[in-house]
Amino acid sequence: MMLRLNERVRNIKKLGFKHIYTIFPCVFKRNLPSFIYDAEKSAREKGAQDYENPSVELVSIQKVGFVKYLVVWKVRGYRKQQI
């Protein structure tokens, strides 16, 4: 029982998350879903550099300029071990 508890504690210490901010231009709202999909794909790629099997969660999307949108993603996963 104690061994399992220690394994859980080690796994919890390996969990991590970070926020990824992306700004992209989008003139027409009908193109917005494709830009959001591309932003999610790039967030997954960036998360895969630091985490094993990262999960990506959309935190917010805001219009910050005339044709610019800010998308915030939260990437979670187990940290890759540094050797």
C-alpha atoms as a PDB file:
ATOM      1  CA  MET A   1       0.000   0.000   0.000  1.00  0.00           C
ATOM      2  CA  MET A   2       2.764   2.424   0.878  1.00  0.00           C
ATOM      3  CA  LEU A   3       4.557   1.656  -2.374  1.00  0.00           C
ATOM      4  CA  ARG A   4       1.482   2.599  -4.403  1.00  0.00           C
ATOM      5  CA  LEU A   5       1.143   5.855  -2.509  1.00  0.00           C
ATOM      6  CA  ASN A   6       4.769   6.743  -3.252  1.00  0.00           C
ATOM      7  CA  GLU A   7       4.236   5.980  -6.944  1.00  0.00           C
ATOM      8  CA  ARG A   8       1.238   8.309  -7.010  1.00  0.00           C
ATOM      9  CA  VAL A   9       3.218  11.090  -5.359  1.00  0.00           C
ATOM     10  CA  ARG A  10       5.971  10.707  -7.966  1.00  0.00           C
ATOM     11  CA  ASN A  11       3.435  10.832 -10.784  1.00  0.00           C
ATOM     12  CA  ILE A  12       1.792  13.953  -9.346  1.00  0.00           C
ATOM     13  CA  LYS A  13       5.165  15.696  -9.231  1.00  0.00           C
ATOM     14  CA  LYS A  14       5.641  14.913 -12.915  1.00  0.00           C
ATOM     15  CA  LEU A  15       2.347  16.560 -13.906  1.00  0.00           C
ATOM     16  CA  GLY A  16       2.610  20.040 -15.320  1.00  0.00           C
ATOM     17  CA  PHE A  17       0.891  22.655 -17.426  1.00  0.00           C
ATOM     18  CA  LYS A  18       1.635  25.850 -19.280  1.00  0.00           C
ATOM     19  CA  HIS A  19      -0.302  28.490 -21.175  1.00  0.00           C
ATOM     20  CA  ILE A  20       0.368  29.128 -24.853  1.00  0.00           C
ATOM     21  CA  TYR A  21      -0.678  32.450 -26.374  1.00  0.00           C
ATOM     22  CA  THR A  22      -1.295  32.773 -30.112  1.00  0.00           C
ATOM     23  CA  ILE A  23      -2.217  35.882 -32.096  1.00  0.00           C
ATOM     24  CA  PHE A  24      -3.418  35.433 -35.654  1.00  0.00           C
ATOM     25  CA  PRO A  25      -5.060  37.644 -38.282  1.00  0.00           C
ATOM     26  CA  CYS A  26      -8.523  36.724 -39.550  1.00  0.00           C
ATOM     27  CA  VAL A  27     -10.439  39.066 -41.843  1.00  0.00           C
ATOM     28  CA  PHE A  28     -13.649  37.056 -42.243  1.00  0.00           C
ATOM     29  CA  LYS A  29     -15.439  35.313 -39.380  1.00  0.00           C
ATOM     30  CA  ARG A  30     -16.238  32.328 -41.589  1.00  0.00           C
ATOM     31  CA  ASN A  31     -12.488  31.528 -41.659  1.00  0.00           C
ATOM     32  CA  LEU A  32     -12.190  31.689 -37.874  1.00  0.00           C
ATOM     33  CA  PRO A  33     -12.692  27.930 -37.169  1.00  0.00           C
ATOM     34  CA  SER A  34      -9.854  26.961 -39.513  1.00  0.00           C
ATOM     35  CA  PHE A  35      -7.518  29.465 -37.839  1.00  0.00           C
ATOM     36  CA  ILE A  36      -8.493  28.162 -34.394  1.00  0.00           C
ATOM     37  CA  TYR A  37      -7.805  24.604 -35.580  1.00  0.00           C
ATOM     38  CA  ASP A  38      -4.345  25.645 -36.830  1.00  0.00           C
ATOM     39  CA  ALA A  39      -3.646  27.418 -33.528  1.00  0.00           C
ATOM     40  CA  GLU A  40      -4.637  24.274 -31.601  1.00  0.00           C
ATOM     41  CA  LYS A  41      -2.375  22.149 -33.779  1.00  0.00           C
ATOM     42  CA  SER A  42       0.586  24.466 -33.137  1.00  0.00           C
ATOM     43  CA  ALA A  43      -0.180  24.443 -29.384  1.00  0.00           C
ATOM     44  CA  ARG A  44      -0.137  20.626 -29.437  1.00  0.00           C
ATOM     45  CA  GLU A  45       3.221  20.647 -31.233  1.00  0.00           C
ATOM     46  CA  LYS A  46       4.688  23.086 -28.706  1.00  0.00           C
ATOM     47  CA  GLY A  47       3.269  21.034 -25.832  1.00  0.00           C
ATOM     48  CA  ALA A  48       4.707  17.818 -27.269  1.00  0.00           C
ATOM     49  CA  GLN A  49       8.196  19.286 -26.878  1.00  0.00           C
ATOM     50  CA  ASP A  50       7.816  19.423 -23.070  1.00  0.00           C
ATOM     51  CA  TYR A  51       5.107  16.878 -22.232  1.00  0.00           C
ATOM     52  CA  GLU A  52       4.226  13.284 -23.086  1.00  0.00           C
ATOM     53  CA  ASN A  53       0.766  12.999 -24.681  1.00  0.00           C
ATOM     54  CA  PRO A  54      -0.263  16.602 -23.968  1.00  0.00           C
ATOM     55  CA  SER A  55      -3.912  17.549 -23.681  1.00  0.00           C
ATOM     56  CA  VAL A  56      -4.904  20.974 -24.956  1.00  0.00           C
ATOM     57  CA  GLU A  57      -7.744  23.031 -23.511  1.00  0.00           C
ATOM     58  CA  LEU A  58      -9.103  26.276 -24.947  1.00  0.00           C
ATOM     59  CA  VAL A  59      -9.027  28.937 -22.232  1.00  0.00           C
ATOM     60  CA  SER A  60     -10.151  32.025 -24.134  1.00  0.00           C
ATOM     61  CA  ILE A  61     -10.418  33.713 -27.491  1.00  0.00           C
ATOM     62  CA  GLN A  62     -10.596  37.496 -27.814  1.00  0.00           C
ATOM     63  CA  LYS A  63     -10.618  40.013 -30.615  1.00  0.00           C
ATOM     64  CA  VAL A  64      -7.672  42.320 -29.900  1.00  0.00           C
ATOM     65  CA  GLY A  65      -7.482  44.388 -33.057  1.00  0.00           C
ATOM     66  CA  PHE A  66      -9.232  45.175 -36.307  1.00  0.00           C
ATOM     67  CA  VAL A  67      -8.502  41.724 -37.749  1.00  0.00           C
ATOM     68  CA  LYS A  68      -6.465  40.101 -34.933  1.00  0.00           C
ATOM     69  CA  TYR A  69      -7.539  37.449 -32.449  1.00  0.00           C
ATOM     70  CA  LEU A  70      -5.764  36.255 -29.304  1.00  0.00           C
ATOM     71  CA  VAL A  71      -6.203  32.591 -28.400  1.00  0.00           C
ATOM     72  CA  VAL A  72      -5.026  31.183 -25.060  1.00  0.00           C
ATOM     73  CA  TRP A  73      -4.481  27.429 -24.695  1.00  0.00           C
ATOM     74  CA  LYS A  74      -3.710  25.446 -21.557  1.00  0.00           C
ATOM     75  CA  VAL A  75      -1.470  22.450 -22.233  1.00  0.00           C
ATOM     76  CA  ARG A  76      -1.280  19.702 -19.595  1.00  0.00           C
ATOM     77  CA  GLY A  77       0.645  16.479 -19.409  1.00  0.00           C
ATOM     78  CA  TYR A  78       3.423  14.486 -17.814  1.00  0.00           C
ATOM     79  CA  ARG A  79       6.771  16.222 -18.089  1.00  0.00           C
ATOM     80  CA  LYS A  80       9.356  14.477 -20.198  1.00  0.00           C
ATOM     81  CA  GLN A  81      12.243  13.262 -18.101  1.00  0.00           C
ATOM     82  CA  GLN A  82      15.507  15.117 -18.536  1.00  0.00           C
ATOM     83  CA  ILE A  83      18.434  12.758 -19.033  1.00  0.00           C
END
